[in-house]
C-alpha atoms as a PDB file:
ATOM      1  CA  ILE A   1      77.064 130.758  90.010  1.00  0.00           C
ATOM      2  CA  GLN A   2      79.837 128.957  88.199  1.00  0.00           C
ATOM      3  CA  LYS A   3      79.914 125.375  87.076  1.00  0.00           C
ATOM      4  CA  ASN A   4      83.172 123.468  87.441  1.00  0.00           C
ATOM      5  CA  MET A   5      83.502 121.537  84.190  1.00  0.00           C
ATOM      6  CA  ASN A   6      86.366 119.399  85.521  1.00  0.00           C
ATOM      7  CA  LEU A   7      84.164 118.230  88.370  1.00  0.00           C
ATOM      8  CA  GLU A   8      81.270 117.553  86.011  1.00  0.00           C
ATOM      9  CA  TYR A   9      83.560 115.504  83.765  1.00  0.00           C
ATOM     10  CA  PHE A  10      84.708 113.302  86.661  1.00  0.00           C
ATOM     11  CA  LYS A  11      81.170 112.907  88.011  1.00  0.00           C
ATOM     12  CA  ALA A  12      79.989 111.742  84.583  1.00  0.00           C
ATOM     13  CA  GLN A  13      82.935 109.338  84.351  1.00  0.00           C
ATOM     14  CA  VAL A  14      82.058 107.809  87.735  1.00  0.00           C
ATOM     15  CA  GLN A  15      78.413 107.481  86.684  1.00  0.00           C
ATOM     16  CA  ARG A  16      79.488 105.619  83.537  1.00  0.00           C
ATOM     17  CA  GLN A  17      81.702 103.295  85.553  1.00  0.00           C
ATOM     18  CA  LEU A  18      78.948 102.612  88.095  1.00  0.00           C
ATOM     19  CA  SER A  19      76.488 101.787  85.338  1.00  0.00           C
ATOM     20  CA  VAL A  20      78.389  98.508  84.824  1.00  0.00           C
ATOM     21  CA  LYS A  21      76.903  95.812  87.095  1.00  0.00           C
ATOM     22  CA  GLU A  22      80.290  94.398  88.161  1.00  0.00           C
ATOM     23  CA  ASN A  23      81.544  97.833  89.254  1.00  0.00           C
ATOM     24  CA  ARG A  24      78.370  98.455  91.285  1.00  0.00           C
ATOM     25  CA  SER A  25      78.928  95.262  93.270  1.00  0.00           C
ATOM     26  CA  ILE A  26      82.540  96.256  93.958  1.00  0.00           C
ATOM     27  CA  TYR A  27      81.414  99.697  95.129  1.00  0.00           C
ATOM     28  CA  ARG A  28      78.760  98.134  97.387  1.00  0.00           C
ATOM     29  CA  GLN A  29      81.411  95.906  98.970  1.00  0.00           C
ATOM     30  CA  ARG A  30      83.485  98.991  99.820  1.00  0.00           C
ATOM     31  CA  LYS A  31      80.883  99.996 102.392  1.00  0.00           C
ATOM     32  CA  VAL A  32      81.416  96.710 104.184  1.00  0.00           C
ATOM     33  CA  ASP A  33      85.206  96.536 103.873  1.00  0.00           C
ATOM     34  CA  VAL A  34      86.478 100.072 104.353  1.00  0.00           C
ATOM     35  CA  GLU A  35      83.896 102.289 105.943  1.00  0.00           C
ATOM     36  CA  THR A  36      83.311 100.032 108.952  1.00  0.00           C
ATOM     37  CA  VAL A  37      86.974 100.417 109.942  1.00  0.00           C
ATOM     38  CA  PHE A  38      86.735 104.202 109.977  1.00  0.00           C
ATOM     39  CA  GLY A  39      83.367 104.060 111.709  1.00  0.00           C
ATOM     40  CA  ASN A  40      84.905 101.858 114.384  1.00  0.00           C
ATOM     41  CA  LEU A  41      87.796 104.297 114.805  1.00  0.00           C
ATOM     42  CA  LYS A  42      85.400 107.204 115.191  1.00  0.00           C
ATOM     43  CA  ALA A  43      82.823 105.528 117.424  1.00  0.00           C
ATOM     44  CA  ASN A  44      84.856 103.224 119.662  1.00  0.00           C
ATOM     45  CA  LEU A  45      88.189 105.037 119.854  1.00  0.00           C
ATOM     46  CA  SER A  46      86.812 108.599 119.528  1.00  0.00           C
ATOM     47  CA  PHE A  47      89.356 109.308 116.788  1.00  0.00           C
ATOM     48  CA  ARG A  48      87.727 112.152 114.892  1.00  0.00           C
ATOM     49  CA  ARG A  49      90.569 114.490 113.966  1.00  0.00           C
ATOM     50  CA  PHE A  50      94.331 114.624 113.869  1.00  0.00           C
ATOM     51  CA  SER A  51      96.226 116.456 116.573  1.00  0.00           C
ATOM     52  CA  VAL A  52      99.348 117.047 114.450  1.00  0.00           C
ATOM     53  CA  ARG A  53     100.247 118.817 111.220  1.00  0.00           C
ATOM     54  CA  GLY A  54     102.226 117.556 108.266  1.00  0.00           C
ATOM     55  CA  ALA A  55     101.849 114.469 106.112  1.00  0.00           C
ATOM     56  CA  ARG A  56     104.539 112.470 107.935  1.00  0.00           C
ATOM     57  CA  LYS A  57     103.103 113.161 111.386  1.00  0.00           C
ATOM     58  CA  VAL A  58      99.549 112.464 110.231  1.00  0.00           C
ATOM     59  CA  LYS A  59     100.731 109.158 108.772  1.00  0.00           C
ATOM     60  CA  LEU A  60     102.332 108.235 112.110  1.00  0.00           C
ATOM     61  CA  GLU A  61      99.224 109.205 114.066  1.00  0.00           C
ATOM     62  CA  THR A  62      97.054 107.166 111.696  1.00  0.00           C
ATOM     63  CA  GLY A  63      99.365 104.208 112.256  1.00  0.00           C
ATOM     64  CA  LEU A  64      99.011 104.556 116.016  1.00  0.00           C
ATOM     65  CA  ALA A  65      95.229 104.733 115.772  1.00  0.00           C
ATOM     66  CA  LEU A  66      95.120 101.622 113.578  1.00  0.00           C
ATOM     67  CA  LEU A  67      97.541  99.870 115.939  1.00  0.00           C
ATOM     68  CA  ALA A  68      95.191 100.618 118.841  1.00  0.00           C
ATOM     69  CA  LEU A  69      92.280  99.259 116.817  1.00  0.00           C
ATOM     70  CA  ASN A  70      94.194  96.072 115.997  1.00  0.00           C
ATOM     71  CA  LEU A  71      95.202  95.609 119.641  1.00  0.00           C
ATOM     72  CA  ARG A  72      91.527  95.842 120.618  1.00  0.00           C
ATOM     73  CA  LYS A  73      90.687  93.177 118.051  1.00  0.00           C
ATOM     74  CA  LEU A  74      93.539  90.962 119.224  1.00  0.00           C
ATOM     75  CA  ASN A  75      92.451  91.326 122.830  1.00  0.00           C
ATOM     76  CA  GLY A  76      88.872  90.408 121.895  1.00  0.00           C
ATOM     77  CA  MET A  77      89.993  87.332 119.966  1.00  0.00           C
ATOM     78  CA  LYS A  78      92.214  86.215 122.846  1.00  0.00           C
ATOM     79  CA  LEU A  79      89.387  86.684 125.333  1.00  0.00           C
ATOM     80  CA  SER A  80      86.991  84.742 123.114  1.00  0.00           C
ATOM     81  CA  HIS A  81      89.563  81.947 122.794  1.00  0.00           C
ATOM     82  CA  LEU A  82      89.971  81.763 126.579  1.00  0.00           C
ATOM     83  CA  LYS A  83      86.204  81.737 127.150  1.00  0.00           C
ATOM     84  CA  ASN A  84      85.805  78.846 124.693  1.00  0.00           C
ATOM     85  CA  HIS A  85      88.460  76.816 126.515  1.00  0.00           C
ATOM     86  CA  ILE A  86      86.842  77.509 129.874  1.00  0.00           C
ATOM     87  CA  LYS A  87      83.373  76.647 128.522  1.00  0.00           C
ATOM     88  CA  ASN A  88      84.626  73.369 127.030  1.00  0.00           C
ATOM     89  CA  GLY A  89      86.470  72.420 130.221  1.00  0.00           C
ATOM     90  CA  ASP A  90      89.801  72.132 128.395  1.00  0.00           C
ATOM     91  CA  SER A  91      92.254  73.309 131.024  1.00  0.00           C
ATOM     92  CA  SER A  92      95.377  71.798 129.440  1.00  0.00           C
ATOM     93  CA  GLN A  93      95.865  74.834 127.209  1.00  0.00           C
ATOM     94  CA  LEU A  94      94.953  77.341 129.904  1.00  0.00           C
ATOM     95  CA  ILE A  95      98.151  76.932 131.926  1.00  0.00           C
ATOM     96  CA  ASP A  96     100.031  79.419 129.761  1.00  0.00           C
ATOM     97  CA  GLU A  97      97.021  81.731 129.713  1.00  0.00           C
ATOM     98  CA  SER A  98      96.391  81.962 133.453  1.00  0.00           C
ATOM     99  CA  PRO A  99      97.107  85.332 135.113  1.00  0.00           C
ATOM    100  CA  PHE A 100      99.852  83.805 137.275  1.00  0.00           C
ATOM    101  CA  PHE A 101     101.826  82.636 134.244  1.00  0.00           C
ATOM    102  CA  LEU A 102     101.188  85.889 132.385  1.00  0.00           C
ATOM    103  CA  VAL A 103     102.756  87.847 135.243  1.00  0.00           C
ATOM    104  CA  PHE A 104     105.580  85.348 135.700  1.00  0.00           C
ATOM    105  CA  ARG A 105     106.336  85.219 131.985  1.00  0.00           C
ATOM    106  CA  SER A 106     106.270  89.015 131.707  1.00  0.00           C
ATOM    107  CA  LEU A 107     109.256  89.259 134.054  1.00  0.00           C
ATOM    108  CA  PHE A 108     111.484  87.403 131.585  1.00  0.00           C
ATOM    109  CA  VAL A 109     110.476  88.959 128.273  1.00  0.00           C
ATOM    110  CA  PRO A 110     113.549  90.307 126.430  1.00  0.00           C
ATOM    111  CA  ALA A 111     111.688  93.406 125.206  1.00  0.00           C
ATOM    112  CA  PRO A 112     111.115  96.877 126.649  1.00  0.00           C
ATOM    113  CA  TYR A 113     107.367  96.205 126.755  1.00  0.00           C
ATOM    114  CA  TYR A 114     104.921  93.345 127.208  1.00  0.00           C
ATOM    115  CA  ILE A 115     101.344  93.176 125.980  1.00  0.00           C
ATOM    116  CA  ARG A 116      99.007  91.375 128.359  1.00  0.00           C
ATOM    117  CA  PHE A 117      95.790  89.788 127.172  1.00  0.00           C
ATOM    118  CA  ASP A 118      93.470  90.254 130.131  1.00  0.00           C
END
């Protein structure tokens, strides 16, 4: 059995840094900020491993996965916004959001794609 002294040095350094109260609170916040995003990717999008090789391709695939995650969030926010307008009886802002206008407007979009929020 061999002991890696480099690893032991870095582990001791991290322990010293975490012994400071301010650093502990920052580290605790990391669980809320960062790890939920990756948990969401794994659980809701079933993104558990990369299907490509190479740093550039992995970076692109990560970008696509995060784009999909952001589109899910955007769709949820849009749906929540529409439900609030319907619940409050405010139909003046729903004209642009109705399915008829979404389809009609999608015919005249000067882009090769159109993202619908339904």
